[in-house]
Amino acid sequence: MASQKPKKSFLLQNKKARHNYEILETLEAGLSLTGSEVKVLREKQGSILEAFFVFKKAELWMQNSHIPEYKNGGYANHVPLRLRKLLMHREELDRLFSLVKEKGVTLVPIKIYDKAGHIKLLMGVGKGKTRGDKRQAVKAKADKKQMKEHLR
């Protein structure tokens, strides 16, 4: 029997990431979460629009990601805007740190998803787009849509 790929179910997405940044490469990382955070994420609640990454003591942390409190959490609930540790191999962290030290390169959260029962974060290494780049991308998208409608 052939092994099947683990099923990925999308939980949260940062729709502005690809609009505001030119994504050079994407990476997957695990997230260290509490039980109440996992329950809220599986309900597809929360936001990573304003999240960013910080290196502290050779570890990578996601800051400013909002995961609201679980409504049935009681005393064991979590803080909505806490630091969340990313789980990655040391070699990947070192490579990311050297990439981010370059001028104009940053890490951007793209989406959070469930992969075989584990919550994962897809992040991109990207450079910020200028206003002109964004306009060209919007124009190209509109042209492509118009051509598709014309061919019908």
Protein backbone atom coordinates (compact mmCIF):
# COMPACT_ATOMS: atom_id res chain seq x y z
CA MET A 1 0.00 0.00 0.00
CA ALA A 2 1.47 3.38 -1.01
CA SER A 3 1.92 5.96 1.70
CA GLN A 4 -0.29 9.01 1.35
CA LYS A 5 0.76 12.59 1.92
CA PRO A 6 -0.50 14.03 5.22
CA LYS A 7 -3.63 16.09 4.76
CA LYS A 8 -3.16 19.83 5.24
CA SER A 9 -6.08 21.95 6.38
CA PHE A 10 -5.67 25.71 6.23
CA LEU A 11 -6.44 27.60 9.49
CA LEU A 12 -5.24 31.22 9.11
CA GLN A 13 -3.86 33.17 6.16
CA ASN A 14 -2.05 36.47 5.69
CA LYS A 15 -3.55 37.64 2.39
CA LYS A 16 -1.47 40.80 2.28
CA ALA A 17 1.86 38.98 2.52
CA ARG A 18 2.20 38.28 -1.20
CA HIS A 19 0.83 41.73 -2.06
CA ASN A 20 3.27 43.67 0.14
CA TYR A 21 6.33 41.42 -0.27
CA GLU A 22 8.10 39.62 -3.07
CA ILE A 23 8.47 36.15 -1.54
CA LEU A 24 11.88 34.70 -2.43
CA GLU A 25 11.49 31.38 -0.62
CA THR A 26 9.08 29.68 1.77
CA LEU A 27 9.81 27.63 4.88
CA GLU A 28 7.72 25.49 7.20
CA ALA A 29 8.07 25.63 10.98
CA GLY A 30 6.24 24.12 13.90
CA LEU A 31 4.59 26.32 16.50
CA SER A 32 4.82 25.81 20.24
CA LEU A 33 1.24 26.37 21.39
CA THR A 34 -0.93 25.71 24.42
CA GLY A 35 -4.03 23.53 24.22
CA SER A 36 -6.46 26.43 24.26
CA GLU A 37 -4.57 28.11 21.39
CA VAL A 38 -4.84 24.96 19.27
CA LYS A 39 -8.60 24.76 19.92
CA VAL A 40 -9.10 28.38 18.87
CA LEU A 41 -6.97 27.93 15.73
CA ARG A 42 -8.97 24.85 14.71
CA GLU A 43 -12.07 27.09 14.88
CA LYS A 44 -10.22 29.32 12.33
CA GLN A 45 -10.07 32.31 14.65
CA GLY A 46 -7.11 34.64 15.03
CA SER A 47 -4.90 36.87 12.92
CA ILE A 48 -1.31 36.88 11.69
CA LEU A 49 -1.59 40.09 9.64
CA GLU A 50 0.53 42.15 12.05
CA ALA A 51 2.82 39.34 13.18
CA PHE A 52 6.59 39.57 12.85
CA PHE A 53 9.59 37.49 13.88
CA VAL A 54 12.28 38.14 16.48
CA PHE A 55 15.54 36.29 17.12
CA LYS A 56 16.23 35.89 20.86
CA LYS A 57 19.08 33.78 22.22
CA ALA A 58 19.50 31.86 18.93
CA GLU A 59 15.77 31.02 18.82
CA LEU A 60 13.07 32.37 16.53
CA TRP A 61 9.88 33.78 18.07
CA MET A 62 6.68 35.06 16.46
CA GLN A 63 5.42 38.24 18.05
CA ASN A 64 2.15 40.17 17.73
CA SER A 65 0.11 37.28 16.35
CA HIS A 66 -3.38 37.47 17.82
CA ILE A 67 -5.07 34.24 18.89
CA PRO A 68 -8.15 35.12 20.97
CA GLU A 69 -8.92 33.43 24.26
CA TYR A 70 -10.83 30.15 24.12
CA LYS A 71 -14.40 30.81 25.24
CA ASN A 72 -14.49 27.64 27.43
CA GLY A 73 -10.88 27.97 28.61
CA GLY A 74 -11.46 28.97 32.21
CA TYR A 75 -8.36 29.42 34.36
CA ALA A 76 -6.11 27.57 31.86
CA ASN A 77 -6.64 30.12 29.08
CA HIS A 78 -3.76 31.78 27.22
CA VAL A 79 -2.74 35.40 26.66
CA PRO A 80 -3.89 36.48 23.16
CA LEU A 81 -0.75 38.42 22.14
CA ARG A 82 2.04 36.33 23.68
CA LEU A 83 5.37 35.38 22.10
CA ARG A 84 5.17 32.02 20.30
CA LYS A 85 8.28 29.94 19.75
CA LEU A 86 8.96 28.47 16.32
CA LEU A 87 10.28 24.92 16.18
CA MET A 88 13.01 24.52 13.56
CA HIS A 89 16.34 22.77 13.12
CA ARG A 90 19.46 24.68 14.16
CA GLU A 91 20.84 24.74 10.58
CA GLU A 92 17.62 26.31 9.29
CA LEU A 93 17.67 28.94 12.04
CA ASP A 94 21.30 29.85 11.32
CA ARG A 95 20.58 30.15 7.59
CA LEU A 96 17.50 32.31 8.25
CA PHE A 97 19.46 34.57 10.59
CA SER A 98 22.13 35.14 7.92
CA LEU A 99 19.44 35.85 5.27
CA VAL A 100 17.60 38.36 7.47
CA LYS A 101 20.81 40.27 8.23
CA GLU A 102 20.84 41.37 4.56
CA LYS A 103 19.39 44.81 3.96
CA GLY A 104 15.75 44.78 2.87
CA VAL A 105 15.08 41.09 3.57
CA THR A 106 12.52 40.07 6.17
CA LEU A 107 10.50 37.08 7.36
CA VAL A 108 6.77 37.20 6.69
CA PRO A 109 4.10 34.85 8.08
CA ILE A 110 2.01 33.52 5.19
CA LYS A 111 -0.36 30.94 6.67
CA ILE A 112 -0.98 28.63 9.61
CA TYR A 113 -2.28 25.16 8.84
CA ASP A 114 -2.86 21.75 10.39
CA LYS A 115 -0.63 19.01 8.99
CA ALA A 116 -1.33 15.51 10.28
CA GLY A 117 -2.45 16.79 13.68
CA HIS A 118 0.41 19.30 14.10
CA ILE A 119 0.00 23.06 13.74
CA LYS A 120 2.52 24.43 11.22
CA LEU A 121 3.44 27.93 10.06
CA LEU A 122 4.39 28.71 6.47
CA MET A 123 6.67 31.74 6.40
CA GLY A 124 8.36 33.48 3.55
CA VAL A 125 11.69 35.20 3.13
CA GLY A 126 10.76 38.34 1.26
CA LYS A 127 11.71 41.79 0.10
CA GLY A 128 9.23 44.64 0.35
CA LYS A 129 7.52 45.77 -2.85
CA THR A 130 7.44 49.40 -3.84
CA ARG A 131 4.21 51.17 -4.70
CA GLY A 132 4.99 50.80 -8.41
CA ASP A 133 5.57 47.05 -8.08
CA LYS A 134 2.20 46.66 -6.38
CA ARG A 135 0.47 48.63 -9.15
CA GLN A 136 2.10 46.48 -11.83
CA ALA A 137 1.00 43.29 -10.04
CA VAL A 138 -2.59 44.54 -9.77
CA LYS A 139 -2.58 45.59 -13.45
CA ALA A 140 -1.18 42.22 -14.55
CA LYS A 141 -3.84 40.41 -12.54
CA ALA A 142 -6.60 42.55 -14.07
CA ASP A 143 -5.22 41.97 -17.59
CA LYS A 144 -5.08 38.22 -17.02
CA LYS A 145 -8.68 38.22 -15.77
CA GLN A 146 -9.81 40.26 -18.77
CA MET A 147 -8.07 37.87 -21.21
CA LYS A 148 -9.68 34.88 -19.50
CA GLU A 149 -13.14 36.46 -19.81
CA HIS A 150 -12.46 37.40 -23.45
CA LEU A 151 -11.58 33.79 -24.36
CA ARG A 152 -14.90 32.49 -23.05
